Amino acid sequence: MKRILFYITLMLISISSYAQEIIPEVITGKVLNAANDQKLQNVHIVNLSQVVGTITGKDGNFEIRANVSDTLYFTYIGYKPLKVRVTNDWKKFGDVKIKMTELGIALEEVVVADVQLTGYLEIDAKRIPIYNNYRYSISGLNSGYEGGSNQPGAVNKVLGAIFNPADFLYNIFGKRSKELRKLRKMKKDDEIRNLLETKFDRATLMALLQVERLDIDEILRNCNYSSDFIKFANDLQIMDAISECYEEYKVLDRK
């Protein structure tokens, strides 16, 4: 009996020690311009492993919860995104300096849209093209579908999409279920939502979900989102769209 109690006690101590090890601790650091060591304010930092975010203060300092081997993703307008692995030395000594490099901006040829202006503001405003996207729902189905317009052809597109095989979504969602489960955490973190609301390049989503830009576009197409939405939506809208599609996929997959 004593031996059994000894093993139970030892097991509880081991579990307690393991739990303490995996609870993220707060780490600190400072973000600087690599060229001149200028402190960078409002740099967005996302822990890709724990799916939590923060931003730097006026002095470039930040703090975020992280474990050893977690990957932090740094993004700032006009600077190259940066991934940094958390190490034991970082947690031991703290206040690590992260230096970000400015991007060289090269302007390419600008193509002006074919909208003939008259010089009268009210008339010109009415001639600017407006893109409206419409979501359709069908009685008896929990899924929503975006036809891209309110024309009869859009409804046919929706009906056709329902009966198309979802092989691509099976391959994407089935193989990346661990990454896609992060979507729920991402939607609850205000810092991540604020970051994605200002971005249109899909870079943060690609880093978080471990997918390529083409995969994101293909996911949205297979989830029946219009080409206008895929082109012009911000990253927060894209994240919500993928999350909605993933939840629908899980329901259909269980059936």
Protein backbone atom coordinates (compact mmCIF):
# COMPACT_ATOMS: atom_id res chain seq x y z
CA MET A 1 0.00 0.00 0.00
CA LYS A 2 2.83 2.39 0.88
CA ARG A 3 4.49 1.63 -2.44
CA ILE A 4 1.29 2.49 -4.31
CA LEU A 5 0.96 5.77 -2.43
CA PHE A 6 4.60 6.53 -3.21
CA TYR A 7 4.07 6.05 -6.95
CA ILE A 8 0.88 8.14 -6.91
CA THR A 9 2.69 10.94 -5.09
CA LEU A 10 5.59 10.77 -7.53
CA MET A 11 3.19 10.88 -10.47
CA LEU A 12 1.37 13.92 -9.09
CA ILE A 13 4.68 15.72 -8.54
CA SER A 14 5.74 14.94 -12.12
CA ILE A 15 2.43 16.18 -13.54
CA SER A 16 2.64 19.34 -11.44
CA SER A 17 6.21 20.01 -12.58
CA TYR A 18 5.27 19.44 -16.23
CA ALA A 19 2.28 21.78 -15.94
CA GLN A 20 4.49 24.48 -14.48
CA GLU A 21 6.95 24.11 -17.33
CA ILE A 22 4.37 24.57 -20.08
CA ILE A 23 2.64 27.63 -18.58
CA PRO A 24 3.92 30.57 -20.67
CA GLU A 25 5.92 33.18 -18.76
CA VAL A 26 6.12 36.87 -19.58
CA ILE A 27 9.24 37.77 -21.56
CA THR A 28 10.41 41.27 -22.43
CA GLY A 29 12.35 42.90 -25.24
CA LYS A 30 12.87 46.02 -27.32
CA VAL A 31 12.41 46.56 -31.07
CA LEU A 32 14.83 48.85 -32.92
CA ASN A 33 15.54 50.03 -36.44
CA ALA A 34 18.51 47.96 -37.65
CA ALA A 35 20.00 50.94 -39.50
CA ASN A 36 20.14 53.52 -36.70
CA ASP A 37 18.90 51.79 -33.50
CA GLN A 38 15.85 54.06 -33.42
CA LYS A 39 13.12 52.73 -31.13
CA LEU A 40 10.07 51.49 -33.02
CA GLN A 41 6.62 52.15 -31.58
CA ASN A 42 3.45 50.17 -32.38
CA VAL A 43 5.28 47.16 -33.81
CA HIS A 44 2.85 44.22 -33.83
CA ILE A 45 4.14 41.03 -32.23
CA VAL A 46 2.32 37.70 -32.42
CA ASN A 47 3.33 34.52 -30.63
CA LEU A 48 2.61 31.99 -33.39
CA SER A 49 2.73 29.09 -30.93
CA GLN A 50 0.46 30.49 -28.20
CA VAL A 51 -1.63 32.69 -30.54
CA VAL A 52 -1.41 35.86 -28.45
CA GLY A 53 -0.38 39.33 -29.57
CA THR A 54 0.95 42.64 -28.29
CA ILE A 55 2.50 45.90 -29.55
CA THR A 56 5.57 47.91 -28.58
CA GLY A 57 5.29 51.09 -26.53
CA LYS A 58 6.81 54.54 -27.15
CA ASP A 59 10.24 53.30 -26.05
CA GLY A 60 10.08 50.22 -28.28
CA ASN A 61 9.64 47.89 -25.30
CA PHE A 62 7.20 44.99 -25.25
CA GLU A 63 6.20 42.05 -23.09
CA ILE A 64 4.42 38.89 -24.16
CA ARG A 65 3.75 35.43 -22.78
CA ALA A 66 5.93 32.73 -24.33
CA ASN A 67 7.66 29.40 -23.72
CA VAL A 68 11.11 28.37 -24.85
CA SER A 69 11.04 27.45 -28.57
CA ASP A 70 7.93 29.55 -29.25
CA THR A 71 8.15 31.66 -32.41
CA LEU A 72 7.43 35.39 -32.28
CA TYR A 73 6.37 37.16 -35.47
CA PHE A 74 7.16 40.89 -35.77
CA THR A 75 5.43 43.13 -38.33
CA TYR A 76 5.68 46.88 -38.91
CA ILE A 77 4.65 49.03 -41.86
CA GLY A 78 7.62 49.63 -44.15
CA TYR A 79 9.76 46.95 -42.51
CA LYS A 80 10.52 43.35 -43.38
CA PRO A 81 8.52 40.89 -41.20
CA LEU A 82 10.70 38.96 -38.78
CA LYS A 83 10.41 35.60 -37.01
CA VAL A 84 12.39 35.10 -33.78
CA ARG A 85 12.64 31.92 -31.70
CA VAL A 86 12.45 32.27 -27.91
CA THR A 87 15.53 30.77 -26.24
CA ASN A 88 16.53 29.87 -22.69
CA ASP A 89 19.00 32.77 -22.65
CA TRP A 90 16.21 35.18 -23.56
CA LYS A 91 14.08 34.00 -20.64
CA LYS A 92 17.10 34.05 -18.33
CA PHE A 93 18.52 37.49 -19.12
CA GLY A 94 15.49 39.27 -20.66
CA ASP A 95 15.36 42.61 -22.53
CA VAL A 96 16.51 41.17 -25.85
CA LYS A 97 16.94 43.73 -28.65
CA ILE A 98 15.13 42.85 -31.87
CA LYS A 99 16.29 44.81 -34.93
CA MET A 100 14.04 45.17 -37.96
CA THR A 101 15.16 46.13 -41.46
CA GLU A 102 13.38 48.71 -43.60
CA LEU A 103 12.02 47.60 -46.94
CA GLY A 104 13.19 49.27 -50.14
CA ILE A 105 10.07 50.58 -51.85
CA ALA A 106 10.08 50.59 -55.64
CA LEU A 107 7.09 52.12 -57.39
CA GLU A 108 5.99 50.21 -60.46
CA GLU A 109 4.01 51.60 -63.35
CA VAL A 110 0.60 52.79 -62.17
CA VAL A 111 -2.42 51.83 -64.25
CA VAL A 112 -5.29 54.31 -63.92
CA ALA A 113 -8.77 52.82 -63.92
CA ASP A 114 -10.89 53.66 -66.94
CA VAL A 115 -13.22 56.14 -65.24
CA GLN A 116 -13.70 59.36 -67.22
CA LEU A 117 -14.02 62.32 -64.87
CA THR A 118 -16.09 65.37 -65.76
CA GLY A 119 -14.89 67.85 -63.15
CA TYR A 120 -18.18 67.83 -61.24
CA LEU A 121 -17.79 66.05 -57.89
CA GLU A 122 -21.37 64.81 -57.51
CA ILE A 123 -21.54 63.37 -61.02
CA ASP A 124 -18.09 61.81 -60.80
CA ALA A 125 -18.93 60.11 -57.48
CA LYS A 126 -21.92 58.44 -59.09
CA ARG A 127 -19.73 57.06 -61.91
CA ILE A 128 -17.26 55.33 -59.60
CA PRO A 129 -17.80 51.53 -59.77
CA ILE A 130 -19.16 49.95 -56.59
CA TYR A 131 -18.53 46.29 -55.76
CA ASN A 132 -21.29 44.63 -53.76
CA ASN A 133 -20.96 41.04 -52.60
CA TYR A 134 -23.97 39.03 -51.55
CA ARG A 135 -24.15 36.03 -49.21
CA TYR A 136 -26.93 33.50 -49.86
CA SER A 137 -28.45 31.01 -47.44
CA ILE A 138 -30.62 28.06 -48.38
CA SER A 139 -33.37 26.70 -46.14
CA GLY A 140 -32.29 23.50 -44.42
CA LEU A 141 -28.56 24.23 -44.74
CA ASN A 142 -26.40 25.92 -42.13
CA SER A 143 -23.84 27.09 -44.69
CA GLY A 144 -23.69 30.49 -46.32
CA TYR A 145 -22.50 31.12 -49.88
CA GLU A 146 -21.27 34.26 -51.56
CA GLY A 147 -22.39 34.66 -55.15
CA GLY A 148 -20.61 37.96 -55.73
CA SER A 149 -23.73 39.69 -57.11
CA ASN A 150 -27.51 39.68 -56.86
CA GLN A 151 -28.00 38.44 -60.43
CA PRO A 152 -29.79 35.12 -61.13
CA GLY A 153 -26.50 33.63 -62.30
CA ALA A 154 -25.10 34.05 -58.79
CA VAL A 155 -27.77 31.72 -57.38
CA ASN A 156 -26.82 29.07 -59.96
CA LYS A 157 -23.21 29.42 -58.85
CA VAL A 158 -24.26 28.83 -55.24
CA LEU A 159 -26.32 25.75 -56.07
CA GLY A 160 -23.48 24.35 -58.16
CA ALA A 161 -20.98 24.88 -55.38
CA ILE A 162 -23.05 22.88 -52.90
CA PHE A 163 -22.84 19.71 -54.96
CA ASN A 164 -19.19 20.01 -56.01
CA PRO A 165 -16.77 17.64 -54.25
CA ALA A 166 -14.69 19.32 -51.52
CA ASP A 167 -11.44 17.43 -52.14
CA PHE A 168 -9.31 20.55 -51.86
CA LEU A 169 -10.85 21.58 -48.53
CA TYR A 170 -10.42 18.04 -47.23
CA ASN A 171 -6.73 18.14 -48.10
CA ILE A 172 -6.20 21.60 -46.59
CA PHE A 173 -8.34 21.35 -43.47
CA GLY A 174 -7.61 17.68 -42.83
CA LYS A 175 -3.83 18.13 -42.88
CA ARG A 176 -3.71 21.43 -41.01
CA SER A 177 -6.29 20.92 -38.27
CA LYS A 178 -3.77 21.92 -35.59
CA GLU A 179 -3.04 25.26 -37.25
CA LEU A 180 -6.68 25.92 -38.10
CA ARG A 181 -7.72 25.37 -34.48
CA LYS A 182 -5.72 28.54 -33.78
CA LEU A 183 -8.44 30.51 -35.56
CA ARG A 184 -10.63 30.48 -32.46
CA LYS A 185 -7.81 31.90 -30.34
CA MET A 186 -7.01 34.48 -33.01
CA LYS A 187 -10.60 35.71 -33.07
CA LYS A 188 -10.55 36.26 -29.28
CA ASP A 189 -7.26 38.18 -29.14
CA ASP A 190 -7.88 41.92 -29.57
CA GLU A 191 -4.28 42.71 -30.54
CA ILE A 192 -4.32 40.14 -33.33
CA ARG A 193 -7.70 41.36 -34.57
CA ASN A 194 -6.49 44.98 -34.55
CA LEU A 195 -3.40 43.96 -36.49
CA LEU A 196 -5.30 41.98 -39.13
CA GLU A 197 -7.86 44.76 -39.60
CA THR A 198 -5.11 47.04 -40.95
CA LYS A 199 -3.40 44.50 -43.20
CA PHE A 200 -4.15 43.29 -46.72
CA ASP A 201 -1.02 41.26 -47.56
CA ARG A 202 -2.04 37.93 -45.88
CA ALA A 203 1.51 37.64 -44.45
CA THR A 204 0.45 37.26 -40.81
CA LEU A 205 -2.24 34.74 -41.73
CA MET A 206 0.28 32.75 -43.75
CA ALA A 207 2.65 32.65 -40.77
CA LEU A 208 -0.04 31.69 -38.27
CA LEU A 209 -1.75 29.03 -40.39
CA GLN A 210 1.39 27.72 -42.14
CA VAL A 211 -0.12 28.06 -45.61
CA GLU A 212 0.88 29.87 -48.78
CA ARG A 213 -0.90 32.89 -50.27
CA LEU A 214 -2.24 30.75 -53.12
CA ASP A 215 -3.66 28.28 -50.58
CA ILE A 216 -5.58 31.08 -48.83
CA ASP A 217 -7.07 32.26 -52.14
CA GLU A 218 -7.96 28.68 -53.08
CA ILE A 219 -9.59 28.03 -49.70
CA LEU A 220 -11.81 31.08 -50.17
CA ARG A 221 -12.71 30.10 -53.73
CA ASN A 222 -13.67 26.61 -52.58
CA CYS A 223 -15.69 28.16 -49.77
CA ASN A 224 -17.64 30.09 -52.43
CA TYR A 225 -16.32 33.60 -51.79
CA SER A 226 -16.25 35.93 -54.77
CA SER A 227 -13.11 37.14 -56.51
CA ASP A 228 -13.87 40.71 -55.35
CA PHE A 229 -13.90 39.61 -51.73
CA ILE A 230 -10.63 37.67 -52.14
CA LYS A 231 -8.93 40.70 -53.72
CA PHE A 232 -10.19 43.54 -51.55
CA ALA A 233 -11.01 42.14 -48.09
CA ASN A 234 -8.64 42.95 -45.23
CA ASP A 235 -6.89 40.17 -43.34
CA LEU A 236 -9.41 40.25 -40.47
CA GLN A 237 -12.28 39.63 -42.90
CA ILE A 238 -10.26 36.86 -44.54
CA MET A 239 -9.58 35.23 -41.16
CA ASP A 240 -13.27 35.35 -40.24
CA ALA A 241 -14.21 33.89 -43.63
CA ILE A 242 -11.75 30.99 -43.31
CA SER A 243 -12.91 30.39 -39.74
CA GLU A 244 -16.54 30.25 -40.83
CA CYS A 245 -15.69 27.88 -43.67
CA TYR A 246 -13.65 25.64 -41.34
CA GLU A 247 -16.51 25.39 -38.83
CA GLU A 248 -18.90 24.46 -41.66
CA TYR A 249 -16.39 21.90 -42.94
CA LYS A 250 -16.14 20.25 -39.50
CA VAL A 251 -19.94 19.92 -39.31
CA LEU A 252 -20.13 18.36 -42.79
CA ASP A 253 -17.13 16.12 -42.09
CA ARG A 254 -18.79 14.67 -38.97
CA LYS A 255 -21.86 13.84 -41.03
